Amino acid sequence: MRLDSLKTKVLIWFLSIIFVIISLFSLLLYYFMEEAIKVNIETNLYHLASLIHKNLENKSFNALQNQNEFKNIDAIVLENENILTQIGNFNIKDYKKYLEHKDIFFVNEVDKFNIDAIYVLHFKIPFQGSIIISKKSIHNKAEDIEQILFFLDFILLLLLLYVASKMVDKILFPIKNI
């Protein structure tokens, strides 16, 4: 195959365009998958923080710790920045930086496949306080999708290159006979 032939030039253009399209699709899919996972985690932590808040009046925190939803969950309840109660093994020395920050949801990457998430709920009833809830070592499914997409992109690119080569041969066949 000559590099200056019409077929080669068409295939290179086709391959370049398809590569850009597949890469953009993969990046967008990865980004939206990662954002959906973060929203799901934030919603889950908000739900758990709301359950803790509902139980503040009757002080039934021990019952909460035994529920399945609260496994692998650490939380502290603060009244005017003083620790009222603790669920799990929350790292107490770091809690003040979360109270002072304007965001209420934090995600920290532990490694490529695991993340830690922290949610802060501020409330005024039955007293002025906050709930800081943390879930550690959440498996980041977006990284799994990234590896699958990388493999599939390569296979799809090779398949499309083969199909394009056959199509260009059929399209350019009449020109070859002239």
Foldseek 3Di string as FASTA:
>chain_A
DDCPDPLNVVLVVVLVVLLVVLVVVLVVVLVVLQVVVQVVVQVLVVVLQVVVVVCPVVVPVVVVLPDPSCVQKWKFKFAVNHTPDIHDDDPPVPPVVCVPDPDFKDWADPDLFFIKIWGKDFDPPPHGIIMIMIHGGDTRCSSVSSVVSVVVSVVVSVVVSVVSSVVSCVVCVVVVVD
